Amino acid sequence: MRQNPWIATEMGEGYYAKALKTPSGADFSVSKVISRFIEQARIHYEEQQNITFTRAAIAQNLDRITEYLIE
């Protein structure tokens, strides 16, 4: 695990140590938000443009696609 001593100093050692622990009942569904967003953006873009992209094409052109995500 990567740790940042500056953040530990800013947060305080006790709070920082607590923040590094993962609760036993942690729900990791939030970790999928970005990948779900990208997938939905791809589908939306493909439907609007009547085209089909591969994931590699999206990754290479994401900066050009993002303008179509905001309506």
N, C-alpha and C. Protein backbone atom coordinates (compact mmCIF):
# COMPACT_ATOMS: atom_id res chain seq x y z
N MET A 1 0.84 -1.17 0.00
CA MET A 1 0.00 0.00 0.00
C MET A 1 0.89 1.24 0.00
N ARG A 2 0.52 2.21 -0.79
CA ARG A 2 1.27 3.45 -0.89
C ARG A 2 0.76 4.42 0.16
N GLN A 3 1.67 5.00 0.92
CA GLN A 3 1.28 5.94 1.95
C GLN A 3 1.98 7.27 1.72
N ASN A 4 1.33 8.32 2.11
CA ASN A 4 1.88 9.65 1.93
C ASN A 4 2.06 10.29 3.30
N PRO A 5 3.30 10.46 3.74
CA PRO A 5 3.53 11.03 5.07
C PRO A 5 2.99 12.45 5.22
N TRP A 6 2.98 13.22 4.14
CA TRP A 6 2.44 14.58 4.20
C TRP A 6 0.96 14.56 4.58
N ILE A 7 0.21 13.65 3.95
CA ILE A 7 -1.22 13.54 4.27
C ILE A 7 -1.41 13.10 5.72
N ALA A 8 -0.58 12.19 6.17
CA ALA A 8 -0.66 11.74 7.57
C ALA A 8 -0.45 12.91 8.52
N THR A 9 0.49 13.77 8.19
CA THR A 9 0.74 14.94 9.02
C THR A 9 -0.44 15.89 9.00
N GLU A 10 -1.01 16.11 7.83
CA GLU A 10 -2.15 17.01 7.70
C GLU A 10 -3.40 16.48 8.41
N MET A 11 -3.65 15.18 8.28
CA MET A 11 -4.85 14.56 8.86
C MET A 11 -4.67 14.29 10.34
N GLY A 12 -3.46 14.09 10.76
CA GLY A 12 -3.20 13.60 12.11
C GLY A 12 -2.98 12.10 12.04
N GLU A 13 -1.99 11.63 12.75
CA GLU A 13 -1.60 10.22 12.67
C GLU A 13 -2.74 9.26 13.00
N GLY A 14 -3.51 9.56 14.05
CA GLY A 14 -4.59 8.66 14.45
C GLY A 14 -5.67 8.53 13.39
N TYR A 15 -6.12 9.65 12.86
CA TYR A 15 -7.17 9.62 11.83
C TYR A 15 -6.64 8.97 10.55
N TYR A 16 -5.40 9.27 10.20
CA TYR A 16 -4.78 8.69 9.01
C TYR A 16 -4.72 7.16 9.13
N ALA A 17 -4.29 6.66 10.29
CA ALA A 17 -4.21 5.22 10.51
C ALA A 17 -5.59 4.58 10.39
N LYS A 18 -6.60 5.26 10.92
CA LYS A 18 -7.98 4.75 10.84
C LYS A 18 -8.47 4.75 9.38
N ALA A 19 -8.10 5.78 8.63
CA ALA A 19 -8.53 5.89 7.23
C ALA A 19 -7.93 4.80 6.36
N LEU A 20 -6.79 4.25 6.74
CA LEU A 20 -6.14 3.20 5.96
C LEU A 20 -6.78 1.83 6.13
N LYS A 21 -7.59 1.67 7.15
CA LYS A 21 -8.22 0.37 7.41
C LYS A 21 -9.52 0.25 6.61
N THR A 22 -9.74 -0.93 6.06
CA THR A 22 -10.97 -1.21 5.34
C THR A 22 -11.92 -1.95 6.27
N PRO A 23 -13.11 -1.39 6.50
CA PRO A 23 -14.08 -2.07 7.36
C PRO A 23 -14.46 -3.45 6.81
N SER A 24 -14.74 -4.39 7.69
CA SER A 24 -15.05 -5.76 7.25
C SER A 24 -16.30 -5.82 6.39
N GLY A 25 -17.25 -4.93 6.60
CA GLY A 25 -18.48 -4.94 5.81
C GLY A 25 -18.48 -3.89 4.71
N ALA A 26 -17.31 -3.50 4.23
CA ALA A 26 -17.20 -2.43 3.23
C ALA A 26 -17.94 -2.80 1.94
N ASP A 27 -18.61 -1.82 1.38
CA ASP A 27 -19.33 -1.98 0.12
C ASP A 27 -18.50 -1.32 -0.98
N PHE A 28 -18.00 -2.11 -1.90
CA PHE A 28 -17.11 -1.59 -2.94
C PHE A 28 -17.86 -1.24 -4.22
N SER A 29 -19.17 -1.11 -4.16
CA SER A 29 -19.95 -0.80 -5.37
C SER A 29 -19.58 0.56 -5.94
N VAL A 30 -19.15 1.49 -5.12
CA VAL A 30 -18.76 2.82 -5.60
C VAL A 30 -17.55 2.72 -6.53
N SER A 31 -16.71 1.74 -6.31
CA SER A 31 -15.51 1.60 -7.14
C SER A 31 -15.85 1.31 -8.60
N LYS A 32 -17.08 0.93 -8.88
CA LYS A 32 -17.48 0.61 -10.25
C LYS A 32 -18.16 1.79 -10.95
N VAL A 33 -18.32 2.91 -10.27
CA VAL A 33 -19.05 4.03 -10.83
C VAL A 33 -18.40 4.54 -12.11
N ILE A 34 -17.10 4.74 -12.10
CA ILE A 34 -16.43 5.30 -13.28
C ILE A 34 -16.53 4.35 -14.47
N SER A 35 -16.29 3.05 -14.24
CA SER A 35 -16.37 2.12 -15.37
C SER A 35 -17.79 2.03 -15.91
N ARG A 36 -18.78 2.09 -15.05
CA ARG A 36 -20.19 2.09 -15.51
C ARG A 36 -20.50 3.36 -16.29
N PHE A 37 -19.99 4.50 -15.80
CA PHE A 37 -20.20 5.77 -16.50
C PHE A 37 -19.60 5.72 -17.90
N ILE A 38 -18.39 5.23 -18.02
CA ILE A 38 -17.73 5.14 -19.33
C ILE A 38 -18.50 4.22 -20.26
N GLU A 39 -18.96 3.11 -19.73
CA GLU A 39 -19.74 2.16 -20.56
C GLU A 39 -21.03 2.80 -21.05
N GLN A 40 -21.75 3.50 -20.17
CA GLN A 40 -22.98 4.16 -20.57
C GLN A 40 -22.70 5.29 -21.56
N ALA A 41 -21.60 6.01 -21.36
CA ALA A 41 -21.23 7.07 -22.29
C ALA A 41 -20.94 6.49 -23.67
N ARG A 42 -20.26 5.35 -23.70
CA ARG A 42 -19.96 4.69 -24.98
C ARG A 42 -21.25 4.30 -25.70
N ILE A 43 -22.15 3.69 -24.97
CA ILE A 43 -23.42 3.26 -25.56
C ILE A 43 -24.19 4.47 -26.10
N HIS A 44 -24.26 5.52 -25.30
CA HIS A 44 -24.97 6.74 -25.70
C HIS A 44 -24.34 7.34 -26.96
N TYR A 45 -23.03 7.44 -26.98
CA TYR A 45 -22.31 8.01 -28.12
C TYR A 45 -22.53 7.16 -29.37
N GLU A 46 -22.43 5.85 -29.23
CA GLU A 46 -22.63 4.95 -30.38
C GLU A 46 -24.04 5.10 -30.94
N GLU A 47 -25.03 5.17 -30.06
CA GLU A 47 -26.41 5.30 -30.52
C GLU A 47 -26.63 6.63 -31.24
N GLN A 48 -26.08 7.71 -30.70
CA GLN A 48 -26.26 9.02 -31.33
C GLN A 48 -25.54 9.12 -32.67
N GLN A 49 -24.38 8.49 -32.78
CA GLN A 49 -23.58 8.58 -34.01
C GLN A 49 -23.85 7.42 -34.96
N ASN A 50 -24.66 6.45 -34.52
CA ASN A 50 -24.97 5.26 -35.30
C ASN A 50 -23.68 4.54 -35.72
N ILE A 51 -22.78 4.33 -34.75
CA ILE A 51 -21.51 3.66 -34.98
C ILE A 51 -21.23 2.71 -33.82
N THR A 52 -20.21 1.87 -34.00
CA THR A 52 -19.78 0.96 -32.94
C THR A 52 -18.28 1.12 -32.75
N PHE A 53 -17.88 1.33 -31.50
CA PHE A 53 -16.46 1.45 -31.15
C PHE A 53 -16.01 0.20 -30.42
N THR A 54 -14.74 -0.04 -30.49
CA THR A 54 -14.15 -1.03 -29.60
C THR A 54 -13.66 -0.29 -28.37
N ARG A 55 -13.45 -1.01 -27.29
CA ARG A 55 -12.97 -0.37 -26.06
C ARG A 55 -11.63 0.33 -26.28
N ALA A 56 -10.77 -0.25 -27.11
CA ALA A 56 -9.47 0.36 -27.36
C ALA A 56 -9.63 1.71 -28.06
N ALA A 57 -10.55 1.81 -29.00
CA ALA A 57 -10.78 3.07 -29.69
C ALA A 57 -11.28 4.13 -28.72
N ILE A 58 -12.12 3.74 -27.80
CA ILE A 58 -12.62 4.69 -26.80
C ILE A 58 -11.49 5.18 -25.92
N ALA A 59 -10.67 4.26 -25.46
CA ALA A 59 -9.56 4.64 -24.59
C ALA A 59 -8.61 5.60 -25.30
N GLN A 60 -8.38 5.39 -26.57
CA GLN A 60 -7.47 6.24 -27.32
C GLN A 60 -8.07 7.60 -27.64
N ASN A 61 -9.39 7.68 -27.70
CA ASN A 61 -10.05 8.91 -28.14
C ASN A 61 -10.96 9.51 -27.08
N LEU A 62 -10.77 9.14 -25.83
CA LEU A 62 -11.67 9.58 -24.77
C LEU A 62 -11.74 11.09 -24.68
N ASP A 63 -10.63 11.77 -24.87
CA ASP A 63 -10.64 13.23 -24.78
C ASP A 63 -11.53 13.86 -25.85
N ARG A 64 -11.67 13.22 -27.00
CA ARG A 64 -12.54 13.75 -28.05
C ARG A 64 -13.99 13.34 -27.85
N ILE A 65 -14.23 12.27 -27.12
CA ILE A 65 -15.58 11.77 -26.91
C ILE A 65 -16.29 12.51 -25.78
N THR A 66 -15.55 12.97 -24.79
CA THR A 66 -16.17 13.55 -23.60
C THR A 66 -17.07 14.74 -23.90
N GLU A 67 -16.81 15.47 -24.97
CA GLU A 67 -17.69 16.60 -25.30
C GLU A 67 -19.11 16.14 -25.61
N TYR A 68 -19.29 14.91 -26.02
CA TYR A 68 -20.61 14.38 -26.34
C TYR A 68 -21.34 13.84 -25.10
N LEU A 69 -20.64 13.75 -23.99
CA LEU A 69 -21.25 13.21 -22.78
C LEU A 69 -22.10 14.24 -22.06
N ILE A 70 -21.82 15.50 -22.29
CA ILE A 70 -22.54 16.57 -21.60
C ILE A 70 -23.53 17.17 -22.58
N GLU A 71 -24.76 17.09 -22.22
CA GLU A 71 -25.81 17.62 -23.11
C GLU A 71 -26.39 18.88 -22.51
